[in-house]
Amino acid sequence: MNSSNPNLKTLLSGKNPQEVASQLLMNNTNPIFGNLIKMAQNGDTKGVEEFARNVFKERGRDFDEEFSQFMSNFK
């Protein structure tokens, strides 16, 4: 860890990775991303999936294929 960045040291101090990720996500100021975080916190998995599908579609990629490849890493 770089001691020249006290904010990073403070952020990581005594926290597990989930706590750090959560804190970083909550400090994001992008309203679209903020809405996505709220959906996830409220258990709106269909809304999160729809968001992801739209992002993939906009980029000309296939969500189902990409997700299948991603999940194959955990078998």
PDB file of N, CA and C in Angstrom:
ATOM      1  N   MET A   1       0.843  -1.180   0.000  1.00  0.00           N
ATOM      2  CA  MET A   1       0.000   0.000   0.000  1.00  0.00           C
ATOM      3  C   MET A   1       0.882   1.235   0.000  1.00  0.00           C
ATOM      4  N   ASN A   2       0.514   2.248  -0.745  1.00  0.00           N
ATOM      5  CA  ASN A   2       1.288   3.457  -0.866  1.00  0.00           C
ATOM      6  C   ASN A   2       0.994   4.372   0.315  1.00  0.00           C
ATOM      7  N   SER A   3       1.998   4.617   1.151  1.00  0.00           N
ATOM      8  CA  SER A   3       1.778   5.428   2.346  1.00  0.00           C
ATOM      9  C   SER A   3       1.621   6.901   2.016  1.00  0.00           C
ATOM     10  N   SER A   4       1.902   7.319   0.773  1.00  0.00           N
ATOM     11  CA  SER A   4       1.753   8.719   0.399  1.00  0.00           C
ATOM     12  C   SER A   4       0.294   9.100   0.175  1.00  0.00           C
ATOM     13  N   ASN A   5      -0.611   8.133   0.192  1.00  0.00           N
ATOM     14  CA  ASN A   5      -2.027   8.406   0.006  1.00  0.00           C
ATOM     15  C   ASN A   5      -2.779   8.031   1.280  1.00  0.00           C
ATOM     16  N   PRO A   6      -2.901   8.965   2.219  1.00  0.00           N
ATOM     17  CA  PRO A   6      -3.570   8.640   3.486  1.00  0.00           C
ATOM     18  C   PRO A   6      -5.040   8.318   3.325  1.00  0.00           C
ATOM     19  N   ASN A   7      -5.706   8.860   2.298  1.00  0.00           N
ATOM     20  CA  ASN A   7      -7.120   8.554   2.093  1.00  0.00           C
ATOM     21  C   ASN A   7      -7.323   7.086   1.760  1.00  0.00           C
ATOM     22  N   LEU A   8      -6.469   6.533   0.904  1.00  0.00           N
ATOM     23  CA  LEU A   8      -6.562   5.125   0.555  1.00  0.00           C
ATOM     24  C   LEU A   8      -6.261   4.263   1.778  1.00  0.00           C
ATOM     25  N   LYS A   9      -5.261   4.643   2.530  1.00  0.00           N
ATOM     26  CA  LYS A   9      -4.900   3.887   3.736  1.00  0.00           C
ATOM     27  C   LYS A   9      -6.072   3.893   4.725  1.00  0.00           C
ATOM     28  N   THR A  10      -6.692   5.039   4.894  1.00  0.00           N
ATOM     29  CA  THR A  10      -7.846   5.150   5.787  1.00  0.00           C
ATOM     30  C   THR A  10      -9.012   4.323   5.269  1.00  0.00           C
ATOM     31  N   LEU A  11      -9.242   4.373   3.964  1.00  0.00           N
ATOM     32  CA  LEU A  11     -10.339   3.626   3.353  1.00  0.00           C
ATOM     33  C   LEU A  11     -10.182   2.130   3.568  1.00  0.00           C
ATOM     34  N   LEU A  12      -8.960   1.616   3.434  1.00  0.00           N
ATOM     35  CA  LEU A  12      -8.719   0.182   3.510  1.00  0.00           C
ATOM     36  C   LEU A  12      -8.507  -0.327   4.932  1.00  0.00           C
ATOM     37  N   SER A  13      -8.229   0.544   5.846  1.00  0.00           N
ATOM     38  CA  SER A  13      -7.881   0.175   7.213  1.00  0.00           C
ATOM     39  C   SER A  13      -8.971  -0.633   7.916  1.00  0.00           C
ATOM     40  N   GLY A  14      -8.653  -1.895   8.218  1.00  0.00           N
ATOM     41  CA  GLY A  14      -9.530  -2.746   9.011  1.00  0.00           C
ATOM     42  C   GLY A  14     -10.833  -3.151   8.354  1.00  0.00           C
ATOM     43  N   LYS A  15     -10.916  -3.068   7.036  1.00  0.00           N
ATOM     44  CA  LYS A  15     -12.163  -3.407   6.351  1.00  0.00           C
ATOM     45  C   LYS A  15     -11.947  -4.580   5.419  1.00  0.00           C
ATOM     46  N   ASN A  16     -13.013  -5.350   5.238  1.00  0.00           N
ATOM     47  CA  ASN A  16     -12.931  -6.440   4.264  1.00  0.00           C
ATOM     48  C   ASN A  16     -13.232  -5.877   2.879  1.00  0.00           C
ATOM     49  N   PRO A  17     -12.920  -6.618   1.816  1.00  0.00           N
ATOM     50  CA  PRO A  17     -13.130  -6.101   0.457  1.00  0.00           C
ATOM     51  C   PRO A  17     -14.561  -5.670   0.168  1.00  0.00           C
ATOM     52  N   GLN A  18     -15.541  -6.373   0.721  1.00  0.00           N
ATOM     53  CA  GLN A  18     -16.938  -5.998   0.490  1.00  0.00           C
ATOM     54  C   GLN A  18     -17.238  -4.627   1.087  1.00  0.00           C
ATOM     55  N   GLU A  19     -16.721  -4.352   2.277  1.00  0.00           N
ATOM     56  CA  GLU A  19     -16.935  -3.050   2.903  1.00  0.00           C
ATOM     57  C   GLU A  19     -16.286  -1.932   2.097  1.00  0.00           C
ATOM     58  N   VAL A  20     -15.084  -2.186   1.596  1.00  0.00           N
ATOM     59  CA  VAL A  20     -14.372  -1.189   0.796  1.00  0.00           C
ATOM     60  C   VAL A  20     -15.138  -0.908  -0.494  1.00  0.00           C
ATOM     61  N   ALA A  21     -15.567  -1.976  -1.190  1.00  0.00           N
ATOM     62  CA  ALA A  21     -16.317  -1.805  -2.441  1.00  0.00           C
ATOM     63  C   ALA A  21     -17.612  -1.043  -2.188  1.00  0.00           C
ATOM     64  N   SER A  22     -18.297  -1.393  -1.129  1.00  0.00           N
ATOM     65  CA  SER A  22     -19.551  -0.722  -0.807  1.00  0.00           C
ATOM     66  C   SER A  22     -19.326   0.765  -0.558  1.00  0.00           C
ATOM     67  N   GLN A  23     -18.282   1.096   0.189  1.00  0.00           N
ATOM     68  CA  GLN A  23     -17.992   2.493   0.489  1.00  0.00           C
ATOM     69  C   GLN A  23     -17.635   3.258  -0.789  1.00  0.00           C
ATOM     70  N   LEU A  24     -16.851   2.647  -1.673  1.00  0.00           N
ATOM     71  CA  LEU A  24     -16.493   3.300  -2.930  1.00  0.00           C
ATOM     72  C   LEU A  24     -17.727   3.527  -3.795  1.00  0.00           C
ATOM     73  N   LEU A  25     -18.608   2.540  -3.863  1.00  0.00           N
ATOM     74  CA  LEU A  25     -19.809   2.652  -4.673  1.00  0.00           C
ATOM     75  C   LEU A  25     -20.750   3.722  -4.139  1.00  0.00           C
ATOM     76  N   MET A  26     -20.865   3.813  -2.841  1.00  0.00           N
ATOM     77  CA  MET A  26     -21.780   4.775  -2.242  1.00  0.00           C
ATOM     78  C   MET A  26     -21.288   6.213  -2.420  1.00  0.00           C
ATOM     79  N   ASN A  27     -19.994   6.400  -2.638  1.00  0.00           N
ATOM     80  CA  ASN A  27     -19.438   7.737  -2.813  1.00  0.00           C
ATOM     81  C   ASN A  27     -19.470   8.189  -4.268  1.00  0.00           C
ATOM     82  N   ASN A  28     -20.025   7.393  -5.155  1.00  0.00           N
ATOM     83  CA  ASN A  28     -20.099   7.725  -6.569  1.00  0.00           C
ATOM     84  C   ASN A  28     -21.181   8.773  -6.785  1.00  0.00           C
ATOM     85  N   THR A  29     -20.915   9.769  -7.628  1.00  0.00           N
ATOM     86  CA  THR A  29     -21.877  10.852  -7.843  1.00  0.00           C
ATOM     87  C   THR A  29     -22.650  10.732  -9.151  1.00  0.00           C
ATOM     88  N   ASN A  30     -22.422   9.682  -9.934  1.00  0.00           N
ATOM     89  CA  ASN A  30     -23.143   9.486 -11.187  1.00  0.00           C
ATOM     90  C   ASN A  30     -24.575   9.048 -10.855  1.00  0.00           C
ATOM     91  N   PRO A  31     -25.590   9.823 -11.273  1.00  0.00           N
ATOM     92  CA  PRO A  31     -26.970   9.485 -10.897  1.00  0.00           C
ATOM     93  C   PRO A  31     -27.451   8.141 -11.466  1.00  0.00           C
ATOM     94  N   ILE A  32     -27.011   7.778 -12.652  1.00  0.00           N
ATOM     95  CA  ILE A  32     -27.414   6.492 -13.232  1.00  0.00           C
ATOM     96  C   ILE A  32     -26.826   5.357 -12.411  1.00  0.00           C
ATOM     97  N   PHE A  33     -25.547   5.492 -12.076  1.00  0.00           N
ATOM     98  CA  PHE A  33     -24.887   4.475 -11.267  1.00  0.00           C
ATOM     99  C   PHE A  33     -25.514   4.427  -9.878  1.00  0.00           C
ATOM    100  N   GLY A  34     -25.865   5.579  -9.335  1.00  0.00           N
ATOM    101  CA  GLY A  34     -26.521   5.632  -8.031  1.00  0.00           C
ATOM    102  C   GLY A  34     -27.847   4.892  -8.038  1.00  0.00           C
ATOM    103  N   ASN A  35     -28.608   5.040  -9.126  1.00  0.00           N
ATOM    104  CA  ASN A  35     -29.877   4.336  -9.268  1.00  0.00           C
ATOM    105  C   ASN A  35     -29.646   2.830  -9.337  1.00  0.00           C
ATOM    106  N   LEU A  36     -28.602   2.419 -10.053  1.00  0.00           N
ATOM    107  CA  LEU A  36     -28.257   1.001 -10.151  1.00  0.00           C
ATOM    108  C   LEU A  36     -27.924   0.434  -8.768  1.00  0.00           C
ATOM    109  N   ILE A  37     -27.168   1.181  -7.977  1.00  0.00           N
ATOM    110  CA  ILE A  37     -26.811   0.737  -6.617  1.00  0.00           C
ATOM    111  C   ILE A  37     -28.071   0.596  -5.766  1.00  0.00           C
ATOM    112  N   LYS A  38     -28.983   1.546  -5.872  1.00  0.00           N
ATOM    113  CA  LYS A  38     -30.238   1.465  -5.104  1.00  0.00           C
ATOM    114  C   LYS A  38     -31.052   0.234  -5.496  1.00  0.00           C
ATOM    115  N   MET A  39     -31.107  -0.043  -6.806  1.00  0.00           N
ATOM    116  CA  MET A  39     -31.830  -1.244  -7.256  1.00  0.00           C
ATOM    117  C   MET A  39     -31.211  -2.489  -6.630  1.00  0.00           C
ATOM    118  N   ALA A  40     -29.888  -2.576  -6.647  1.00  0.00           N
ATOM    119  CA  ALA A  40     -29.200  -3.741  -6.082  1.00  0.00           C
ATOM    120  C   ALA A  40     -29.458  -3.851  -4.589  1.00  0.00           C
ATOM    121  N   GLN A  41     -29.398  -2.737  -3.875  1.00  0.00           N
ATOM    122  CA  GLN A  41     -29.641  -2.748  -2.429  1.00  0.00           C
ATOM    123  C   GLN A  41     -31.069  -3.162  -2.098  1.00  0.00           C
ATOM    124  N   ASN A  42     -32.009  -2.833  -2.970  1.00  0.00           N
ATOM    125  CA  ASN A  42     -33.409  -3.173  -2.746  1.00  0.00           C
ATOM    126  C   ASN A  42     -33.772  -4.559  -3.271  1.00  0.00           C
ATOM    127  N   GLY A  43     -32.782  -5.263  -3.805  1.00  0.00           N
ATOM    128  CA  GLY A  43     -33.022  -6.617  -4.294  1.00  0.00           C
ATOM    129  C   GLY A  43     -33.724  -6.673  -5.636  1.00  0.00           C
ATOM    130  N   ASP A  44     -33.679  -5.576  -6.389  1.00  0.00           N
ATOM    131  CA  ASP A  44     -34.328  -5.521  -7.700  1.00  0.00           C
ATOM    132  C   ASP A  44     -33.405  -6.146  -8.752  1.00  0.00           C
ATOM    133  N   THR A  45     -33.289  -7.472  -8.708  1.00  0.00           N
ATOM    134  CA  THR A  45     -32.378  -8.160  -9.621  1.00  0.00           C
ATOM    135  C   THR A  45     -32.840  -8.040 -11.074  1.00  0.00           C
ATOM    136  N   LYS A  46     -34.138  -7.972 -11.297  1.00  0.00           N
ATOM    137  CA  LYS A  46     -34.645  -7.815 -12.673  1.00  0.00           C
ATOM    138  C   LYS A  46     -34.236  -6.452 -13.237  1.00  0.00           C
ATOM    139  N   GLY A  47     -34.292  -5.423 -12.411  1.00  0.00           N
ATOM    140  CA  GLY A  47     -33.881  -4.087 -12.849  1.00  0.00           C
ATOM    141  C   GLY A  47     -32.388  -4.026 -13.150  1.00  0.00           C
ATOM    142  N   VAL A  48     -31.586  -4.659 -12.305  1.00  0.00           N
ATOM    143  CA  VAL A  48     -30.131  -4.693 -12.523  1.00  0.00           C
ATOM    144  C   VAL A  48     -29.830  -5.463 -13.806  1.00  0.00           C
ATOM    145  N   GLU A  49     -30.507  -6.592 -13.996  1.00  0.00           N
ATOM    146  CA  GLU A  49     -30.283  -7.384 -15.206  1.00  0.00           C
ATOM    147  C   GLU A  49     -30.690  -6.602 -16.452  1.00  0.00           C
ATOM    148  N   GLU A  50     -31.815  -5.917 -16.395  1.00  0.00           N
ATOM    149  CA  GLU A  50     -32.266  -5.123 -17.540  1.00  0.00           C
ATOM    150  C   GLU A  50     -31.250  -4.026 -17.864  1.00  0.00           C
ATOM    151  N   PHE A  51     -30.720  -3.387 -16.838  1.00  0.00           N
ATOM    152  CA  PHE A  51     -29.688  -2.371 -17.015  1.00  0.00           C
ATOM    153  C   PHE A  51     -28.482  -2.977 -17.734  1.00  0.00           C
ATOM    154  N   ALA A  52     -28.022  -4.133 -17.255  1.00  0.00           N
ATOM    155  CA  ALA A  52     -26.858  -4.793 -17.852  1.00  0.00           C
ATOM    156  C   ALA A  52     -27.139  -5.188 -19.294  1.00  0.00           C
ATOM    157  N   ARG A  53     -28.319  -5.727 -19.538  1.00  0.00           N
ATOM    158  CA  ARG A  53     -28.674  -6.122 -20.910  1.00  0.00           C
ATOM    159  C   ARG A  53     -28.654  -4.917 -21.849  1.00  0.00           C
ATOM    160  N   ASN A  54     -29.172  -3.784 -21.378  1.00  0.00           N
ATOM    161  CA  ASN A  54     -29.180  -2.573 -22.203  1.00  0.00           C
ATOM    162  C   ASN A  54     -27.768  -2.084 -22.496  1.00  0.00           C
ATOM    163  N   VAL A  55     -26.903  -2.133 -21.504  1.00  0.00           N
ATOM    164  CA  VAL A  55     -25.507  -1.707 -21.706  1.00  0.00           C
ATOM    165  C   VAL A  55     -24.837  -2.606 -22.742  1.00  0.00           C
ATOM    166  N   PHE A  56     -25.014  -3.911 -22.601  1.00  0.00           N
ATOM    167  CA  PHE A  56     -24.417  -4.849 -23.564  1.00  0.00           C
ATOM    168  C   PHE A  56     -24.978  -4.607 -24.961  1.00  0.00           C
ATOM    169  N   LYS A  57     -26.288  -4.405 -25.059  1.00  0.00           N
ATOM    170  CA  LYS A  57     -26.921  -4.188 -26.357  1.00  0.00           C
ATOM    171  C   LYS A  57     -26.375  -2.936 -27.028  1.00  0.00           C
ATOM    172  N   GLU A  58     -26.219  -1.849 -26.250  1.00  0.00           N
ATOM    173  CA  GLU A  58     -25.674  -0.601 -26.782  1.00  0.00           C
ATOM    174  C   GLU A  58     -24.261  -0.781 -27.327  1.00  0.00           C
ATOM    175  N   ARG A  59     -23.545  -1.722 -26.757  1.00  0.00           N
ATOM    176  CA  ARG A  59     -22.157  -1.960 -27.175  1.00  0.00           C
ATOM    177  C   ARG A  59     -22.037  -3.085 -28.198  1.00  0.00           C
ATOM    178  N   GLY A  60     -23.175  -3.589 -28.675  1.00  0.00           N
ATOM    179  CA  GLY A  60     -23.178  -4.623 -29.689  1.00  0.00           C
ATOM    180  C   GLY A  60     -22.701  -5.981 -29.196  1.00  0.00           C
ATOM    181  N   ARG A  61     -22.920  -6.249 -27.917  1.00  0.00           N
ATOM    182  CA  ARG A  61     -22.486  -7.521 -27.330  1.00  0.00           C
ATOM    183  C   ARG A  61     -23.703  -8.298 -26.844  1.00  0.00           C
ATOM    184  N   ASP A  62     -23.534  -9.603 -26.713  1.00  0.00           N
ATOM    185  CA  ASP A  62     -24.623 -10.482 -26.299  1.00  0.00           C
ATOM    186  C   ASP A  62     -24.501 -10.785 -24.803  1.00  0.00           C
ATOM    187  N   PHE A  63     -25.454 -10.291 -24.029  1.00  0.00           N
ATOM    188  CA  PHE A  63     -25.420 -10.462 -22.571  1.00  0.00           C
ATOM    189  C   PHE A  63     -25.393 -11.930 -22.175  1.00  0.00           C
ATOM    190  N   ASP A  64     -26.286 -12.736 -22.769  1.00  0.00           N
ATOM    191  CA  ASP A  64     -26.385 -14.144 -22.380  1.00  0.00           C
ATOM    192  C   ASP A  64     -25.080 -14.891 -22.643  1.00  0.00           C
ATOM    193  N   GLU A  65     -24.466 -14.623 -23.772  1.00  0.00           N
ATOM    194  CA  GLU A  65     -23.192 -15.276 -24.099  1.00  0.00           C
ATOM    195  C   GLU A  65     -22.084 -14.842 -23.130  1.00  0.00           C
ATOM    196  N   GLU A  66     -22.000 -13.546 -22.890  1.00  0.00           N
ATOM    197  CA  GLU A  66     -20.966 -13.018 -21.986  1.00  0.00           C
ATOM    198  C   GLU A  66     -21.177 -13.535 -20.563  1.00  0.00           C
ATOM    199  N   PHE A  67     -22.430 -13.575 -20.117  1.00  0.00           N
ATOM    200  CA  PHE A  67     -22.715 -14.038 -18.765  1.00  0.00           C
ATOM    201  C   PHE A  67     -22.382 -15.518 -18.621  1.00  0.00           C
ATOM    202  N   SER A  68     -22.695 -16.304 -19.654  1.00  0.00           N
ATOM    203  CA  SER A  68     -22.369 -17.729 -19.647  1.00  0.00           C
ATOM    204  C   SER A  68     -20.863 -17.941 -19.544  1.00  0.00           C
ATOM    205  N   GLN A  69     -20.100 -17.158 -20.306  1.00  0.00           N
ATOM    206  CA  GLN A  69     -18.643 -17.257 -20.239  1.00  0.00           C
ATOM    207  C   GLN A  69     -18.132 -16.867 -18.848  1.00  0.00           C
ATOM    208  N   PHE A  70     -18.704 -15.816 -18.293  1.00  0.00           N
ATOM    209  CA  PHE A  70     -18.325 -15.359 -16.949  1.00  0.00           C
ATOM    210  C   PHE A  70     -18.586 -16.461 -15.917  1.00  0.00           C
ATOM    211  N   MET A  71     -19.780 -17.060 -15.979  1.00  0.00           N
ATOM    212  CA  MET A  71     -20.146 -18.084 -15.008  1.00  0.00           C
ATOM    213  C   MET A  71     -19.305 -19.351 -15.153  1.00  0.00           C
ATOM    214  N   SER A  72     -18.807 -19.623 -16.353  1.00  0.00           N
ATOM    215  CA  SER A  72     -17.973 -20.818 -16.557  1.00  0.00           C
ATOM    216  C   SER A  72     -16.672 -20.744 -15.767  1.00  0.00           C
ATOM    217  N   ASN A  73     -16.292 -19.558 -15.335  1.00  0.00           N
ATOM    218  CA  ASN A  73     -15.087 -19.407 -14.514  1.00  0.00           C
ATOM    219  C   ASN A  73     -15.274 -19.961 -13.096  1.00  0.00           C
ATOM    220  N   PHE A  74     -16.505 -20.216 -12.699  1.00  0.00           N
ATOM    221  CA  PHE A  74     -16.807 -20.632 -11.328  1.00  0.00           C
ATOM    222  C   PHE A  74     -17.188 -22.100 -11.215  1.00  0.00           C
ATOM    223  N   LYS A  75     -17.065 -22.854 -12.294  1.00  0.00           N
ATOM    224  CA  LYS A  75     -17.416 -24.277 -12.258  1.00  0.00           C
ATOM    225  C   LYS A  75     -16.248 -25.111 -11.814  1.00  0.00           C
TER     226      LYS A  75
END
